[in-house]
Protein backbone atom coordinates (compact mmCIF):
# COMPACT_ATOMS: atom_id res chain seq x y z
CA MET A 1 -0.11 -0.02 0.17
CA PRO A 2 1.39 3.62 -0.85
CA ALA A 3 2.66 5.76 1.99
CA ARG A 4 0.42 8.51 3.24
CA ALA A 5 1.26 11.93 3.14
CA GLY A 6 4.72 12.45 4.69
CA MET A 7 4.55 9.13 7.14
CA ILE A 8 7.08 6.94 7.28
CA ALA A 9 6.21 3.81 9.26
CA ASP A 10 8.58 1.30 11.07
CA VAL A 11 11.92 2.91 9.83
CA PRO A 12 14.67 3.77 11.61
CA ILE A 13 15.11 7.56 11.89
CA ARG A 14 18.64 9.21 13.15
CA PRO A 15 18.59 12.71 14.31
CA LEU A 16 21.61 14.32 12.26
CA SER A 17 22.44 18.08 12.07
CA ARG A 18 21.82 20.10 8.60
CA GLU A 19 25.80 20.45 8.19
CA LEU A 20 26.25 16.68 8.64
CA ILE A 21 23.57 15.78 6.74
CA VAL A 22 25.42 18.10 3.69
CA ALA A 23 28.55 16.81 4.09
CA ARG A 24 27.16 13.31 3.50
CA VAL A 25 25.53 14.21 0.84
CA VAL A 26 28.25 15.62 -0.94
CA ASP A 27 30.46 12.40 0.16
CA GLU A 28 27.90 10.12 -1.47
CA VAL A 29 28.00 12.45 -4.90
CA ARG A 30 31.72 12.26 -4.77
CA ASP A 31 32.20 8.66 -4.42
CA ARG A 32 29.09 7.81 -7.11
CA ALA A 33 30.67 10.08 -9.40
CA PRO A 34 33.99 11.09 -8.82
CA ARG A 35 34.85 12.22 -12.20
CA ARG A 36 31.62 12.66 -14.48
CA ARG A 37 28.90 15.14 -14.33
CA LEU A 38 26.11 14.54 -12.14
CA ARG A 39 22.50 15.30 -11.75
CA LEU A 40 20.98 15.61 -7.93
CA ALA A 41 17.17 16.41 -7.07
CA VAL A 42 16.15 17.84 -3.81
CA ASP A 43 12.73 17.00 -3.67
CA GLY A 44 10.01 18.55 -1.19
CA ALA A 45 7.38 20.70 -0.59
CA THR A 46 7.93 24.67 -0.44
CA GLY A 47 7.63 24.64 3.05
CA LEU A 48 9.90 22.38 3.66
CA ASP A 49 12.97 24.75 1.97
CA PRO A 50 14.24 22.57 -0.97
CA THR A 51 15.90 25.48 -2.08
CA GLY A 52 17.65 26.16 1.10
CA TRP A 53 19.00 22.59 1.11
CA ALA A 54 19.98 22.68 -2.90
CA ALA A 55 22.00 25.84 -1.91
CA ALA A 56 23.47 24.26 1.25
CA ILE A 57 24.59 21.31 -1.09
CA VAL A 58 25.96 24.09 -3.80
CA ASP A 59 28.08 25.74 -1.33
CA ALA A 60 29.61 22.45 0.31
CA MET A 61 30.27 21.06 -3.32
CA ARG A 62 32.30 24.54 -4.06
CA SER A 63 34.06 24.34 -0.77
CA GLY A 64 35.26 21.07 -1.55
CA GLY A 65 36.69 21.98 -5.05
CA ARG A 66 34.12 21.02 -7.10
CA PHE A 67 31.51 22.97 -9.97
CA ALA A 68 28.23 22.88 -8.73
CA MET A 69 25.18 24.95 -10.02
CA HIS A 70 21.62 25.53 -8.75
CA VAL A 71 18.07 25.29 -10.72
CA SER A 72 14.92 25.98 -9.01
CA VAL A 73 12.08 24.31 -10.78
CA ARG A 74 10.40 27.48 -9.64
CA ASP A 75 12.35 29.00 -12.88
CA TYR A 76 10.74 26.22 -15.04
CA LEU A 77 7.42 26.88 -14.79
CA LEU A 78 4.99 27.21 -17.61
CA PRO A 79 3.23 30.34 -18.68
CA ALA A 80 0.31 31.56 -16.30
CA SER A 81 -2.18 31.01 -18.71
CA GLN A 82 -1.68 27.31 -18.83
CA ARG A 83 -0.44 27.19 -14.72
CA TYR A 84 -4.21 28.70 -14.08
CA GLU A 85 -6.17 27.11 -16.84
CA PHE A 86 -8.41 25.79 -14.06
CA GLY A 87 -8.05 28.45 -11.64
CA HIS A 88 -5.54 29.66 -9.28
CA ASP A 89 -6.13 27.41 -6.75
CA SER A 90 -6.64 23.94 -8.18
CA PRO A 91 -4.39 21.06 -6.23
CA ASP A 92 -4.40 19.10 -9.23
CA ALA A 93 -3.45 21.65 -12.02
CA PHE A 94 -0.40 22.74 -9.22
CA TYR A 95 0.45 19.03 -8.94
CA GLU A 96 -0.07 17.78 -13.06
CA GLY A 97 0.26 20.78 -14.89
CA TRP A 98 2.67 23.91 -13.53
CA ARG A 99 6.03 22.68 -14.15
CA ASP A 100 7.63 23.05 -17.76
CA GLU A 101 9.21 19.58 -17.24
CA ASN A 102 9.95 19.28 -21.10
CA GLY A 103 11.78 22.49 -20.70
CA LEU A 104 13.68 21.23 -17.68
CA ARG A 105 14.56 17.96 -19.60
CA ARG A 106 15.76 19.83 -22.81
CA GLU A 107 17.65 22.78 -21.05
CA VAL A 108 19.12 21.34 -17.81
CA LEU A 109 18.88 17.52 -17.32
CA GLU A 110 20.06 16.44 -21.18
CA PRO A 111 23.07 18.83 -21.35
CA ALA A 112 24.19 18.12 -17.72
CA ALA A 113 23.97 14.29 -18.42
CA PRO A 114 27.48 12.52 -18.10
CA ASP A 115 27.50 12.31 -21.78
CA GLY A 116 25.76 16.14 -22.27
CA SER A 117 26.74 19.09 -23.99
CA GLY A 118 26.99 20.86 -20.69
CA ALA A 119 25.51 23.94 -21.69
CA VAL A 120 22.83 24.27 -18.77
CA LEU A 121 19.99 27.35 -19.06
CA PRO A 122 19.53 28.33 -15.13
CA ALA A 123 16.09 29.70 -15.68
CA LEU A 124 13.80 29.63 -18.32
CA TRP A 125 10.74 31.64 -17.43
CA ARG A 126 9.85 34.69 -14.74
CA THR A 127 6.96 34.29 -13.25
CA ASP A 128 6.75 37.95 -11.94
CA ILE A 129 6.77 39.13 -15.40
CA ASP A 130 5.23 35.96 -17.10
CA ARG A 131 7.74 36.06 -20.12
CA SER A 132 11.09 34.30 -20.91
CA ALA A 133 13.80 34.87 -18.06
CA ARG A 134 16.42 35.41 -20.85
CA ALA A 135 19.08 33.77 -19.09
CA GLU A 136 22.42 32.72 -20.25
CA TYR A 137 23.64 29.03 -20.81
CA VAL A 138 26.16 28.21 -18.00
CA ALA A 139 28.99 25.45 -19.29
CA VAL A 140 29.16 23.07 -16.64
CA PRO A 141 32.29 20.89 -16.57
CA THR A 142 32.46 17.46 -17.20
CA ASP A 143 32.84 16.53 -13.61
CA GLY A 144 30.28 19.12 -12.63
CA VAL A 145 27.03 18.98 -10.35
CA VAL A 146 23.79 20.28 -11.49
CA VAL A 147 21.65 20.61 -8.08
CA VAL A 148 17.77 20.92 -9.27
CA SER A 149 15.15 22.14 -6.38
CA GLY A 150 11.41 21.91 -5.72
CA GLU A 151 8.64 19.68 -5.95
CA PHE A 152 7.31 16.59 -7.28
CA LEU A 153 10.48 16.04 -8.90
CA LEU A 154 10.59 12.19 -8.52
CA GLY A 155 8.17 9.55 -10.13
CA SER A 156 7.42 11.09 -13.87
CA GLY A 157 11.08 10.24 -15.06
CA LEU A 158 13.00 12.91 -14.90
CA PRO A 159 16.39 11.82 -15.01
CA PHE A 160 18.45 12.28 -11.78
CA GLU A 161 21.66 10.38 -10.71
CA TYR A 162 21.39 11.33 -7.19
CA ALA A 163 18.02 11.88 -5.55
CA MET A 164 17.16 13.74 -2.01
CA HIS A 165 13.84 13.67 -0.48
CA LEU A 166 12.49 16.10 2.22
CA THR A 167 9.61 14.76 3.92
CA CYS A 168 7.27 15.34 7.15
CA SER A 169 3.84 14.33 8.29
CA ALA A 170 0.78 16.00 6.90
CA ALA A 171 0.49 18.27 10.11
CA ALA A 172 3.74 19.31 10.43
CA LEU A 173 3.58 20.51 6.70
CA ALA A 174 0.18 22.18 7.31
CA ARG A 175 1.75 24.27 9.95
CA ARG A 176 4.66 25.40 7.86
CA THR A 177 2.56 26.32 4.86
CA PRO A 178 1.08 29.78 4.79
CA PRO A 179 -2.34 29.81 5.03
CA GLU A 180 -2.88 31.43 1.36
CA ASP A 181 -1.17 28.40 0.24
CA ALA A 182 -2.90 25.83 2.25
CA TRP A 183 -4.78 24.67 -0.96
CA THR A 184 -1.38 22.99 -2.40
CA LEU A 185 -1.45 20.65 0.48
CA PRO A 186 -3.81 17.84 -1.03
CA ALA A 187 -1.47 17.87 -3.92
CA TYR A 188 1.42 17.08 -1.71
CA GLU A 189 -0.93 13.92 -0.32
CA ARG A 190 -1.49 12.99 -3.30
CA TYR A 191 2.50 12.89 -4.56
CA ALA A 192 3.33 10.93 -1.32
CA ALA A 193 0.48 8.60 -2.12
CA GLU A 194 0.98 7.68 -5.48
CA VAL A 195 4.65 8.20 -5.81
CA ALA A 196 5.78 7.53 -2.34
CA PRO A 197 9.35 9.02 -3.19
CA GLU A 198 10.83 8.47 0.39
CA THR A 199 10.66 4.07 -0.78
CA PHE A 200 13.64 5.02 -3.52
CA ALA A 201 14.88 8.41 -2.76
CA ASP A 202 18.93 7.99 -1.94
CA VAL A 203 18.16 9.97 1.03
CA VAL A 204 15.31 10.86 2.91
CA VAL A 205 15.27 13.57 5.13
CA ARG A 206 12.55 14.14 7.82
CA LEU A 207 11.85 17.93 9.19
CA GLU A 208 9.12 17.68 11.84
CA ASP A 209 11.09 20.19 13.29
CA PRO A 210 13.79 22.28 10.75
CA ARG A 211 16.20 22.78 13.87
CA ARG A 212 16.20 19.06 14.33
CA PRO A 213 16.54 17.42 11.02
CA ALA A 214 16.80 13.53 10.66
CA ILE A 215 17.84 11.18 8.37
CA VAL A 216 15.48 8.10 7.18
CA GLU A 217 17.82 5.06 7.60
CA PRO A 218 17.13 2.12 5.11
CA ASP A 219 16.00 -1.22 6.22
CA ASP A 220 19.39 -2.55 6.27
CA ALA A 221 21.33 0.11 7.78
């Protein structure tokens, strides 16, 4: 049976500082792809701050002497006319129809592949003006790491060599979601039930309290 929203039952959970979790991810990426490009997903609800976690990973990678760049899914959303076709507060549209996955694949994930061109576009669309971001391509070296952050990144076939999933209980996520965004909560519940990303991500971080993160250990840990 699929996992319910944010719930991970009968699995050991080990408290670990944010710094140590980031260091663990960096070490695992280094071991997995020491001399080739790697695409890393930081998947999680907006209230769990996937952008902040991605930025911390990029900073740690760069401090270790490796090229890394961050791409936010929020810079790869579809135009407003498509996002809001079924209204401004449709959880199903938010889940299924907000992200330009074709653009993300074409401009980020395919060129950032180990055998890709390395020419990555950091942003495609500006939602504040609902126009092209007109960003410049970034040349990612053959051993560079591209970190993509945002919601609903896993389970739809987007190619990543390493996946980090941020999770918490449905109640905790509701507390950390602004009232004006509460309409998005059913989308996260649906994602947890249909995709169960915590069952296949490389690392799962539980954030009941953002000040006290914990690693969800695999059964054979």
